[in-house]
Every structure is written in C-alpha cells, then in structure tokens.
Amino acid sequence: MKTTATPVSRWALVAALFLWIAISSIPLPRPTPAPATAPAQNFSAARALNHVRAMAQKPHPPGTPEHDRVRDYVRDELTKLGLAPEVEAGFSEFTRGRYHASANVENLVARLPGTANTRPVMLVAHYDSTPRGPGASDDAHGVAVLLETLRALGSGPVLRNDVIFLITDGEEKGLLGAIYFMGHHPWRKEPGVVLNFEARGTSGNAFMFETSRGNEWMIRNLQAAVPRAFATSFAYEVYRRMPNDTDLTVFKYGGLAGMNFAFIEHPEFYHTPQDSVEHLDPVSLQEQGRYALSLGRQFGGEDLTERHSGDAVYFPTLFTPLIVYPAGWAVYIAAVTLAALLAILWVGLGRRARGTWMAAPMLLLAIAEILLAAPAPGASYLLAWPLLAGTIALAILVTAPQRIEFGWRVGVMVILPVAVFQLLVPLLSTLVIALGWKGAAPILGAVVVLMVVC
C-alpha cells in the first residue's frame, strides 16, 4: 500500500527538521560570573579570580622559588579562612612503562569540621604548573575554586560532614602529590567522595567528565545539587578507556569514590605561556565554583558511609534537567526497540506498506545497540533514544492510511526528531573540541549516518 502525505503535512515535517537542528545548536545555559559584591554564601568568580591572579604570575613547577611563593600564598589563605593547614612533605615517585618521575612534594591539607561527620567530602586541585606556563587554568583556577568554596561554606550553616581541602603538588610531573597523600596521610582512607577540579584549556563549559565505578548514587546527588549540570555518561565511557590521568586516577586506585570536573576549550593554550589570567574564562570559573560549592553542601549533608550502587546513564538536554537512569535499563531499552522493529517489519511486509524497507538499516542499529548496551551502557543512549524515535516514526508510517492528513500522526512525527538532534548535535561540537577535526572525523561520520537513518 502506497501512502502519501498532504502538502501541509510534508512541509510541517520539513520545517520541524530544520527547527530541531537550529534549536539543538543552542548551547546549554551557563551562569553569569558573580561579582565581588555577591552575597557571602555565594560563589563569586570575581573573588576567585583574585586568587588566580596572585598565583598565576609566572611558571611555578616544584623546586623553584615561584613554587614556594605560591605554596606560601595558598597556606596563608587557608589560615585566614580559619583552618590549620598542614604541609605534607615527602619524596614521591611514579613509574609507568618507560616513564619515571620523582620529586620532593609539599601538599597542603586542611579540614573544615562538620557537626556529625559520617565520612568527609574531599575537594582537590593542584597548585604546581608546568615549566612553560603560569598555569592560570591548569590549575590555579582549581585552587581558587577551593579557596572561594571554603570561604562560602564558612559563611553559611555548618555542614554535617567534614570537608577536606587537599591542594596537591607535583601533579604535572606524574601525580606525585596525590600518590604521596594516598601512600602516607592518615586521612587517606576517610573520604566518602572526592571532587577533583582540572582544566585542559582556558574556557568553555565546565563539565563532569569522569567518575569512579558504581556512580549512580553520585550522579543522583549531582542531579539534585546542580540540576542543569553538563555531564554525560558517554564521556565517562570514553575517558575510562583512555590512558589520560589526573589526581582522581590515584584516588580511584586507592578505593575512593569521586568525580572529575574540567573545561577544555582553547586547548592550544594548554601548558603554554598563554595559560594566563587574561585567557581564563570567568564563566568557566563560575561553573566550576557552582559544582564545588553546590556539591560540597550536598555531600556535606549526606550519610557517606559505605554506598553501593551500579553505574548510571546520564545526559543533559536543552529542555530538561540532567536525565539519569540505571545503566541496567540500557539492555531492556535495546531489546524493546529490536522487538518493535521486528513487529513493524512483519506488519509492513504484510500490508506492503511504503517505507517498510527502512526497518532493515534500523534493525542493524538495534543489533549494534544491544551489543553496546552491556559493555558500555553509558554510551548506549546515543543510539537508544534516536533509534526509538525513528522506530515510532516508522511504526506510524507503515500503519498509516493511504493518505496522511495533518493531524496527530504528523504531530507525533514533528516532535520525534528532538531525540535525534538534542542528543547528537551537541555531541558533535564537543567531539571536535576534544579531539580536533581529524581525530573526530570517523565518529562524526558515524553520527551523521545515525542521524540520517533515524
């Protein structure tokens, strides 16, 4: 049976496609940097930026006078904010394959007491830089985030849990400060959750890109503390298969749960003299501060004794807060989609309906989704929801009457492309930033094919 659509219906569908493409190109909302006059309990990018200016004047790798100046500055600021910072000094080394690094490190460790501590929240950044640049983004901004977060926490009600502030040394040489802390400090096994703040550029959306395993309970807390958080389980699946390391890597090996936050735009300034205060985006700084302060308060009020959960699938959209569901659902969603496509193929062939042939490429994608759902459930949503939307559209087509009028069928098909474009278009820009055009090209090609099919 050959179905045809009225001209109005055809134009409505064409217009919807262009509309969703345009809407999906709109970036997620970002906060406005708060001024120095912001209320005391709020995070202020302007106040944090003053700390960055004080620290990121020159390169300050370990063993240099500038390194000692920055160490003393951070120690003095922690003291001014009411804590009693400890300088944890010792010799640390790191070996991986042919790479070996060692140095004397001087971590700064301080603790903000809570009222009825279950397990502490630990906020982490590193204060050393590379020899090539002043390290405004990597990672003076992270230290500034911790200092401004401490000031804001001290201006509000006392939290239930203790908060440990760990400013590590020697990260750039090979995570040396984190390694020394996890090997020697008496608090090393205490933290219930670790929040690490990093950068691989000087601007762009700050996002949560890495967690430890069994992350659903942490993601639920992230969803509660920062509903519009920029975080994707796709990034988690990719990053845990990459050789890249941060201080969080060391804490994860030590059995601690945690999350990693960073911004990555303008990677050409990374580890160069251009990693300066002038190139640091205050909006990115405000976003990092929003994560640190909101999650510090969220986890600071939670019972952080032993938590057990599986992984989660999570992603943001322009229209919703962070969407979160158990990773175990991925297999069931894939199975339902495959069964639906088989049913559509059966009905379509029986009716000799127009468009039935499109079930074939979609069945291949459904099989790919099932194969992906078990080993990498966090990435499965990129196939699952666009494919499910395409499946519903195909079901409407093969069961439609001979003439498709402008009505509920067209209305549903106008809405369905949101799943395709809202999930896939933002991914394209993120991949280009993270990998560059050459590195992202194969994935971009696959994503475009997926969009066309669905």
Protein backbone atom coordinates (compact mmCIF):
# COMPACT_ATOMS: atom_id res chain seq x y z
CA MET A 1 0.00 0.00 0.00
CA LYS A 2 1.47 3.33 -1.00
CA THR A 3 0.88 6.14 1.45
CA THR A 4 1.03 9.81 0.51
CA ALA A 5 1.06 12.92 2.64
CA THR A 6 -0.77 16.17 2.03
CA PRO A 7 1.43 19.15 1.11
CA VAL A 8 0.77 20.72 4.51
CA SER A 9 1.94 17.55 6.25
CA ARG A 10 5.10 17.35 4.15
CA TRP A 11 6.03 20.97 4.82
CA ALA A 12 5.33 20.57 8.54
CA LEU A 13 7.80 17.67 8.73
CA VAL A 14 10.45 19.50 6.71
CA ALA A 15 10.06 22.62 8.84
CA ALA A 16 10.30 20.52 12.01
CA LEU A 17 13.62 19.02 10.92
CA PHE A 18 15.18 22.42 10.30
CA LEU A 19 13.70 23.79 13.52
CA TRP A 20 15.13 20.96 15.64
CA ILE A 21 18.55 21.32 14.00
CA ALA A 22 18.53 25.04 14.84
CA ILE A 23 17.31 24.53 18.41
CA SER A 24 19.85 21.78 19.03
CA SER A 25 22.64 24.18 18.10
CA ILE A 26 21.71 26.42 21.04
CA PRO A 27 24.23 25.83 23.84
CA LEU A 28 23.16 24.82 27.33
CA PRO A 29 22.53 27.80 29.63
CA ARG A 30 25.57 29.00 31.55
CA PRO A 31 25.76 31.07 34.74
CA THR A 32 26.77 34.72 34.83
CA PRO A 33 30.03 35.30 36.70
CA ALA A 34 29.18 36.64 40.14
CA PRO A 35 30.84 39.94 41.15
CA ALA A 36 32.99 40.51 44.22
CA THR A 37 29.93 42.07 45.88
CA ALA A 38 27.91 38.82 45.65
CA PRO A 39 26.38 37.58 48.92
CA ALA A 40 28.89 35.93 51.24
CA GLN A 41 27.27 32.48 50.98
CA ASN A 42 27.52 32.52 47.15
CA PHE A 43 30.47 31.58 44.97
CA SER A 44 31.97 34.58 43.20
CA ALA A 45 34.13 34.20 40.10
CA ALA A 46 35.45 37.72 40.69
CA ARG A 47 36.69 36.82 44.18
CA ALA A 48 38.17 33.55 42.91
CA LEU A 49 39.88 35.37 40.05
CA ASN A 50 41.82 37.46 42.57
CA HIS A 51 43.39 34.24 43.86
CA VAL A 52 44.25 33.16 40.30
CA ARG A 53 45.99 36.49 39.68
CA ALA A 54 48.01 36.07 42.85
CA MET A 55 49.13 32.54 41.97
CA ALA A 56 49.49 32.51 38.16
CA GLN A 57 52.08 35.26 37.73
CA LYS A 58 54.89 33.02 36.45
CA PRO A 59 55.53 29.30 35.90
CA HIS A 60 55.81 27.55 39.27
CA PRO A 61 56.95 23.93 38.93
CA PRO A 62 58.32 22.15 42.01
CA GLY A 63 61.80 23.17 43.11
CA THR A 64 61.53 26.81 42.05
CA PRO A 65 61.25 29.97 44.19
CA GLU A 66 57.94 30.79 42.46
CA HIS A 67 56.58 27.40 43.53
CA ASP A 68 57.44 28.20 47.14
CA ARG A 69 55.76 31.60 46.85
CA VAL A 70 52.53 30.02 45.58
CA ARG A 71 52.67 27.35 48.31
CA ASP A 72 53.00 30.02 50.99
CA TYR A 73 50.20 32.08 49.46
CA VAL A 74 47.76 29.16 49.50
CA ARG A 75 48.79 28.16 53.04
CA ASP A 76 48.27 31.73 54.26
CA GLU A 77 44.85 31.98 52.59
CA LEU A 78 43.71 28.73 54.19
CA THR A 79 44.84 30.10 57.56
CA LYS A 80 43.00 33.40 57.00
CA LEU A 81 39.83 31.39 56.30
CA GLY A 82 40.05 29.77 59.72
CA LEU A 83 41.72 26.42 59.04
CA ALA A 84 45.00 24.99 60.25
CA PRO A 85 46.70 23.81 57.05
CA GLU A 86 49.35 21.13 57.18
CA VAL A 87 52.26 20.98 54.74
CA GLU A 88 52.63 17.29 53.93
CA ALA A 89 56.20 17.00 52.64
CA GLY A 90 58.00 13.94 51.33
CA PHE A 91 59.60 12.16 48.40
CA SER A 92 57.26 10.67 45.78
CA GLU A 93 57.80 8.77 42.54
CA PHE A 94 55.75 7.46 39.66
CA THR A 95 56.60 4.81 37.06
CA ARG A 96 54.58 3.68 34.05
CA GLY A 97 56.32 1.75 31.31
CA ARG A 98 59.43 3.68 30.38
CA TYR A 99 58.26 6.86 32.07
CA HIS A 100 59.61 7.56 35.53
CA ALA A 101 59.23 10.71 37.60
CA SER A 102 60.23 11.59 41.14
CA ALA A 103 60.42 14.71 43.27
CA ASN A 104 60.06 16.09 46.75
CA VAL A 105 56.46 17.27 47.08
CA GLU A 106 54.67 19.57 49.50
CA ASN A 107 50.93 19.02 49.64
CA LEU A 108 48.67 21.38 51.55
CA VAL A 109 45.97 19.64 53.60
CA ALA A 110 43.29 21.25 55.76
CA ARG A 111 40.00 20.14 57.30
CA LEU A 112 36.74 22.00 57.90
CA PRO A 113 34.93 20.20 60.76
CA GLY A 114 31.29 19.20 60.48
CA THR A 115 28.68 18.72 63.19
CA ALA A 116 28.27 14.91 62.94
CA ASN A 117 30.77 13.58 60.42
CA THR A 118 29.94 10.29 58.66
CA ARG A 119 32.77 10.43 56.12
CA PRO A 120 34.45 13.59 54.80
CA VAL A 121 33.97 15.23 51.41
CA MET A 122 37.39 15.90 49.84
CA LEU A 123 37.91 18.77 47.38
CA VAL A 124 41.11 18.56 45.33
CA ALA A 125 43.16 20.72 42.95
CA HIS A 126 46.91 21.01 42.31
CA TYR A 127 49.00 24.16 42.74
CA ASP A 128 52.08 23.32 40.66
CA SER A 129 52.34 24.32 37.00
CA THR A 130 54.40 23.19 34.03
CA PRO A 131 57.74 24.94 33.41
CA ARG A 132 56.27 26.50 30.26
CA GLY A 133 53.30 28.45 31.57
CA PRO A 134 51.87 30.26 34.60
CA GLY A 135 49.07 27.70 34.89
CA ALA A 136 46.10 30.04 35.37
CA SER A 137 43.67 27.39 34.16
CA ASP A 138 45.79 24.33 34.93
CA ASP A 139 45.38 24.52 37.83
CA ALA A 140 45.46 27.84 39.68
CA HIS A 141 41.78 28.16 38.85
CA GLY A 142 41.11 24.87 40.68
CA VAL A 143 42.92 26.07 43.80
CA ALA A 144 41.00 29.35 43.61
CA VAL A 145 37.75 27.39 43.36
CA LEU A 146 38.64 25.53 46.57
CA LEU A 147 39.55 28.73 48.42
CA GLU A 148 36.38 30.56 47.38
CA THR A 149 34.29 27.47 48.18
CA LEU A 150 35.84 27.31 51.65
CA ARG A 151 35.05 30.99 52.21
CA ALA A 152 31.41 30.49 51.11
CA LEU A 153 30.99 27.36 53.26
CA GLY A 154 32.34 29.25 56.26
CA SER A 155 29.75 31.97 55.70
CA GLY A 156 26.82 29.56 55.94
CA PRO A 157 25.49 26.88 58.29
CA VAL A 158 27.99 24.26 59.45
CA LEU A 159 27.76 21.07 57.39
CA ARG A 160 27.10 17.62 58.81
CA ASN A 161 30.28 16.11 57.32
CA ASP A 162 33.84 17.32 57.48
CA VAL A 163 35.32 18.79 54.30
CA ILE A 164 38.98 18.06 53.49
CA PHE A 165 40.77 20.54 51.24
CA LEU A 166 43.71 18.87 49.50
CA ILE A 167 45.92 21.04 47.30
CA THR A 168 48.40 18.65 45.75
CA ASP A 169 51.91 19.23 44.45
CA GLY A 170 53.78 17.60 41.56
CA GLU A 171 50.69 16.71 39.52
CA GLU A 172 52.28 17.85 36.28
CA LYS A 173 55.34 15.63 36.77
CA GLY A 174 53.27 12.49 37.36
CA LEU A 175 50.53 12.85 40.00
CA LEU A 176 53.27 12.81 42.64
CA GLY A 177 51.42 14.73 45.35
CA ALA A 178 48.29 12.58 45.10
CA ILE A 179 50.44 9.44 45.19
CA TYR A 180 52.21 10.65 48.33
CA PHE A 181 48.94 11.55 50.04
CA MET A 182 47.41 8.13 49.31
CA GLY A 183 50.56 6.38 50.49
CA HIS A 184 51.18 8.23 53.73
CA HIS A 185 48.48 10.55 55.04
CA PRO A 186 46.37 9.28 57.96
CA TRP A 187 43.19 10.67 56.31
CA ARG A 188 43.76 8.85 53.03
CA LYS A 189 41.03 6.22 53.51
CA GLU A 190 38.46 8.51 55.11
CA PRO A 191 36.83 10.46 52.24
CA GLY A 192 33.37 9.30 51.22
CA VAL A 193 33.63 11.19 47.93
CA VAL A 194 36.38 13.13 46.13
CA LEU A 195 35.73 16.12 43.84
CA ASN A 196 38.72 16.99 41.62
CA PHE A 197 38.97 20.21 39.60
CA GLU A 198 41.12 20.37 36.46
CA ALA A 199 41.40 22.03 33.04
CA ARG A 200 42.66 21.10 29.60
CA GLY A 201 42.06 24.50 28.07
CA THR A 202 41.19 28.00 29.23
CA SER A 203 37.45 28.31 28.56
CA GLY A 204 34.24 26.52 27.62
CA ASN A 205 31.58 24.62 29.50
CA ALA A 206 32.86 23.13 32.73
CA PHE A 207 31.62 19.56 32.77
CA MET A 208 31.81 16.44 34.87
CA PHE A 209 33.68 14.02 32.63
CA GLU A 210 34.83 11.15 34.84
CA THR A 211 33.61 9.17 37.83
CA SER A 212 34.61 6.09 39.74
CA ARG A 213 32.64 2.88 39.16
CA GLY A 214 29.27 2.38 40.80
CA ASN A 215 28.45 6.02 40.15
CA GLU A 216 24.64 6.17 40.23
CA TRP A 217 24.46 7.47 43.81
CA MET A 218 26.94 10.24 42.96
CA ILE A 219 25.11 11.20 39.77
CA ARG A 220 21.81 11.37 41.68
CA ASN A 221 23.46 13.81 44.09
CA LEU A 222 24.87 15.80 41.17
CA GLN A 223 21.37 15.95 39.67
CA ALA A 224 19.98 17.23 42.99
CA ALA A 225 22.75 19.78 43.62
CA VAL A 226 23.17 21.13 40.06
CA PRO A 227 20.06 20.15 38.07
CA ARG A 228 21.43 21.72 34.85
CA ALA A 229 24.81 20.05 35.19
CA PHE A 230 26.76 19.39 32.00
CA ALA A 231 27.68 15.71 32.35
CA THR A 232 27.36 12.70 30.06
CA SER A 233 27.90 9.02 30.66
CA PHE A 234 29.29 8.89 27.10
CA ALA A 235 32.28 10.94 28.33
CA TYR A 236 32.66 8.54 31.26
CA GLU A 237 32.72 5.52 28.91
CA VAL A 238 35.30 7.17 26.64
CA TYR A 239 37.56 8.55 29.37
CA ARG A 240 37.82 5.31 31.35
CA ARG A 241 39.22 3.63 28.24
CA MET A 242 41.84 6.34 27.62
CA PRO A 243 45.38 6.44 29.07
CA ASN A 244 44.87 10.01 30.40
CA ASP A 245 45.38 10.52 34.14
CA THR A 246 44.58 13.17 36.74
CA ASP A 247 44.87 13.13 40.51
CA LEU A 248 41.48 11.41 40.60
CA THR A 249 43.12 8.37 38.98
CA VAL A 250 45.24 7.91 42.09
CA PHE A 251 42.27 8.26 44.43
CA LYS A 252 40.26 5.74 42.41
CA TYR A 253 43.12 3.23 42.59
CA GLY A 254 43.08 3.81 46.32
CA GLY A 255 39.44 2.74 46.52
CA LEU A 256 37.85 6.19 46.87
CA ALA A 257 34.71 7.28 45.02
CA GLY A 258 34.89 10.53 43.10
CA MET A 259 34.08 12.84 40.22
CA ASN A 260 36.29 14.90 37.92
CA PHE A 261 35.44 18.38 36.57
CA ALA A 262 37.16 20.34 33.79
CA PHE A 263 36.76 22.70 30.83
CA ILE A 264 38.55 22.06 27.55
CA GLU A 265 38.06 24.86 25.02
CA HIS A 266 41.16 26.59 23.58
CA PRO A 267 43.42 23.57 24.12
CA GLU A 268 46.08 25.41 22.09
CA PHE A 269 46.77 27.44 25.27
CA TYR A 270 47.14 24.31 27.42
CA HIS A 271 50.59 24.01 29.05
CA THR A 272 51.85 27.15 27.27
CA PRO A 273 52.66 30.74 28.28
CA GLN A 274 49.13 31.62 27.08
CA ASP A 275 47.59 29.72 30.01
CA SER A 276 47.30 33.09 31.69
CA VAL A 277 44.73 35.07 33.65
CA GLU A 278 43.86 37.02 30.50
CA HIS A 279 42.77 33.85 28.70
CA LEU A 280 40.86 32.28 31.61
CA ASP A 281 37.08 32.45 31.03
CA PRO A 282 35.30 33.79 34.16
CA VAL A 283 32.16 31.87 33.15
CA SER A 284 34.09 28.59 33.26
CA LEU A 285 35.44 29.59 36.66
CA GLN A 286 31.91 30.33 37.91
CA GLU A 287 30.71 26.95 36.62
CA GLN A 288 33.49 25.11 38.43
CA GLY A 289 32.63 27.01 41.57
CA ARG A 290 28.97 26.14 41.21
CA TYR A 291 29.90 22.44 41.14
CA ALA A 292 32.30 22.71 44.09
CA LEU A 293 30.03 24.71 46.38
CA SER A 294 26.74 23.00 45.48
CA LEU A 295 28.18 19.51 45.75
CA GLY A 296 30.16 20.39 48.85
CA ARG A 297 26.89 21.31 50.51
CA GLN A 298 25.01 18.36 49.01
CA PHE A 299 27.51 15.68 50.02
CA GLY A 300 28.26 17.60 53.20
CA GLY A 301 24.73 16.84 54.37
CA GLU A 302 24.56 13.20 53.24
CA ASP A 303 25.34 9.99 55.09
CA LEU A 304 28.54 9.00 53.27
CA THR A 305 29.07 5.66 54.96
CA GLU A 306 29.55 2.71 52.59
CA ARG A 307 27.49 3.25 49.44
CA HIS A 308 26.70 0.52 46.92
CA SER A 309 25.14 1.18 43.53
CA GLY A 310 25.62 0.37 39.89
CA ASP A 311 26.53 2.79 37.16
CA ALA A 312 24.07 5.27 35.70
CA VAL A 313 23.27 6.50 32.22
CA TYR A 314 23.06 10.30 32.30
CA PHE A 315 22.94 13.21 29.88
CA PRO A 316 21.61 16.79 29.69
CA THR A 317 19.21 18.31 27.19
CA LEU A 318 18.26 21.90 26.47
CA PHE A 319 14.75 21.30 27.80
CA THR A 320 15.31 19.17 30.91
CA PRO A 321 17.49 18.86 34.00
CA LEU A 322 20.11 16.12 33.89
CA ILE A 323 18.42 12.86 32.88
CA VAL A 324 19.55 9.87 34.95
CA TYR A 325 18.55 6.20 34.95
CA PRO A 326 20.24 2.91 35.92
CA ALA A 327 22.71 1.51 33.40
CA GLY A 328 20.89 -1.84 33.59
CA TRP A 329 17.98 -0.29 31.72
CA ALA A 330 20.09 0.02 28.58
CA VAL A 331 19.73 -3.65 27.65
CA TYR A 332 15.94 -3.60 28.15
CA ILE A 333 15.52 -0.44 26.04
CA ALA A 334 17.58 -2.05 23.29
CA ALA A 335 15.55 -5.30 23.46
CA VAL A 336 12.22 -3.43 23.29
CA THR A 337 13.41 -1.43 20.27
CA LEU A 338 14.59 -4.56 18.46
CA ALA A 339 11.29 -6.35 19.15
CA ALA A 340 9.33 -3.31 17.95
CA LEU A 341 11.31 -3.15 14.71
CA LEU A 342 10.73 -6.84 14.04
CA ALA A 343 6.99 -6.33 14.60
CA ILE A 344 6.98 -3.31 12.28
CA LEU A 345 8.80 -5.32 9.62
CA TRP A 346 6.22 -8.13 9.93
CA VAL A 347 3.25 -5.75 9.72
CA GLY A 348 4.79 -3.66 6.96
CA LEU A 349 5.55 -6.65 4.76
CA GLY A 350 2.03 -7.98 5.30
CA ARG A 351 0.50 -4.67 4.29
CA ARG A 352 3.12 -4.00 1.62
CA ALA A 353 3.38 -0.62 3.29
CA ARG A 354 5.51 2.18 1.99
CA GLY A 355 8.81 2.64 3.84
CA THR A 356 8.97 -0.90 5.27
CA TRP A 357 12.45 -1.32 3.80
CA MET A 358 13.73 1.29 6.28
CA ALA A 359 13.37 -1.30 9.04
CA ALA A 360 16.47 -3.07 7.63
CA PRO A 361 19.11 -0.41 8.46
CA MET A 362 17.33 0.32 11.72
CA LEU A 363 17.50 -3.36 12.67
CA LEU A 364 21.27 -3.22 12.16
CA LEU A 365 21.43 -0.23 14.51
CA ALA A 366 19.25 -2.06 17.04
CA ILE A 367 21.66 -5.02 17.00
CA ALA A 368 24.56 -2.59 17.47
CA GLU A 369 22.69 -1.05 20.40
CA ILE A 370 22.29 -4.44 22.08
CA LEU A 371 25.98 -5.22 21.55
CA LEU A 372 26.89 -1.83 23.05
CA ALA A 373 24.45 -1.88 25.97
CA ALA A 374 26.29 -4.46 28.09
CA PRO A 375 29.97 -3.36 27.80
CA ALA A 376 29.32 0.40 27.51
CA PRO A 377 25.82 1.24 28.77
CA GLY A 378 26.82 4.85 29.37
CA ALA A 379 27.21 5.39 25.62
CA SER A 380 24.07 3.47 24.66
CA TYR A 381 21.71 6.44 25.00
CA LEU A 382 23.22 7.97 21.86
CA LEU A 383 21.76 5.04 19.91
CA ALA A 384 18.81 4.17 22.13
CA TRP A 385 16.68 7.32 22.06
CA PRO A 386 17.27 8.44 18.45
CA LEU A 387 16.61 4.85 17.33
CA LEU A 388 13.47 4.59 19.45
CA ALA A 389 12.22 7.86 17.96
CA GLY A 390 12.91 6.55 14.46
CA THR A 391 11.12 3.29 15.31
CA ILE A 392 7.99 5.14 16.44
CA ALA A 393 8.05 7.24 13.27
CA LEU A 394 8.37 4.11 11.13
CA ALA A 395 5.50 2.46 13.01
CA ILE A 396 3.31 5.48 12.25
CA LEU A 397 4.30 5.32 8.58
CA VAL A 398 3.65 1.62 7.97
CA THR A 399 0.30 1.67 9.82
CA ALA A 400 -0.90 4.93 8.28
CA PRO A 401 -3.93 5.16 5.99
CA GLN A 402 -3.37 5.73 2.30
CA ARG A 403 -3.47 9.50 2.76
CA ILE A 404 -1.71 11.12 5.73
CA GLU A 405 -3.59 14.25 6.73
CA PHE A 406 -2.26 16.95 9.00
CA GLY A 407 -3.25 15.53 12.40
CA TRP A 408 -1.97 13.51 15.34
CA ARG A 409 0.32 11.33 13.21
CA VAL A 410 2.09 14.32 11.77
CA GLY A 411 2.14 15.95 15.21
CA VAL A 412 3.97 12.98 16.73
CA MET A 413 6.40 12.84 13.81
CA VAL A 414 7.08 16.57 14.21
CA ILE A 415 8.08 16.03 17.86
CA LEU A 416 10.14 12.84 17.40
CA PRO A 417 13.27 14.42 15.84
CA VAL A 418 14.01 16.13 19.17
CA ALA A 419 15.60 12.89 20.43
CA VAL A 420 17.84 12.69 17.37
CA PHE A 421 19.10 16.25 17.30
CA GLN A 422 19.11 17.14 21.01
CA LEU A 423 21.41 14.23 21.80
CA LEU A 424 23.60 14.12 18.71
CA VAL A 425 24.15 17.71 17.58
CA PRO A 426 25.72 18.86 20.92
CA LEU A 427 27.92 15.76 20.84
CA LEU A 428 29.40 16.81 17.51
CA SER A 429 30.71 20.13 18.82
CA THR A 430 32.11 18.51 21.98
CA LEU A 431 33.95 15.87 19.96
CA VAL A 432 35.51 18.46 17.67
CA ILE A 433 36.74 20.47 20.68
CA ALA A 434 38.09 17.42 22.48
CA LEU A 435 39.63 15.54 19.56
CA GLY A 436 40.07 18.12 16.80
CA TRP A 437 38.57 17.75 13.33
CA LYS A 438 40.97 14.99 12.27
CA GLY A 439 40.54 12.89 15.39
CA ALA A 440 36.77 13.35 15.50
CA ALA A 441 36.20 12.69 11.78
CA PRO A 442 35.39 8.93 12.00
CA ILE A 443 32.97 9.43 14.88
CA LEU A 444 31.40 12.46 13.19
CA GLY A 445 30.76 10.38 10.08
CA ALA A 446 29.10 7.62 12.12
CA VAL A 447 26.95 10.14 14.00
CA VAL A 448 25.79 11.79 10.76
CA VAL A 449 24.78 8.39 9.36
CA LEU A 450 22.89 7.65 12.57
CA MET A 451 21.06 10.96 12.33
CA VAL A 452 20.09 10.39 8.71
CA VAL A 453 18.77 6.87 9.37
CA CYS A 454 16.80 7.79 12.50
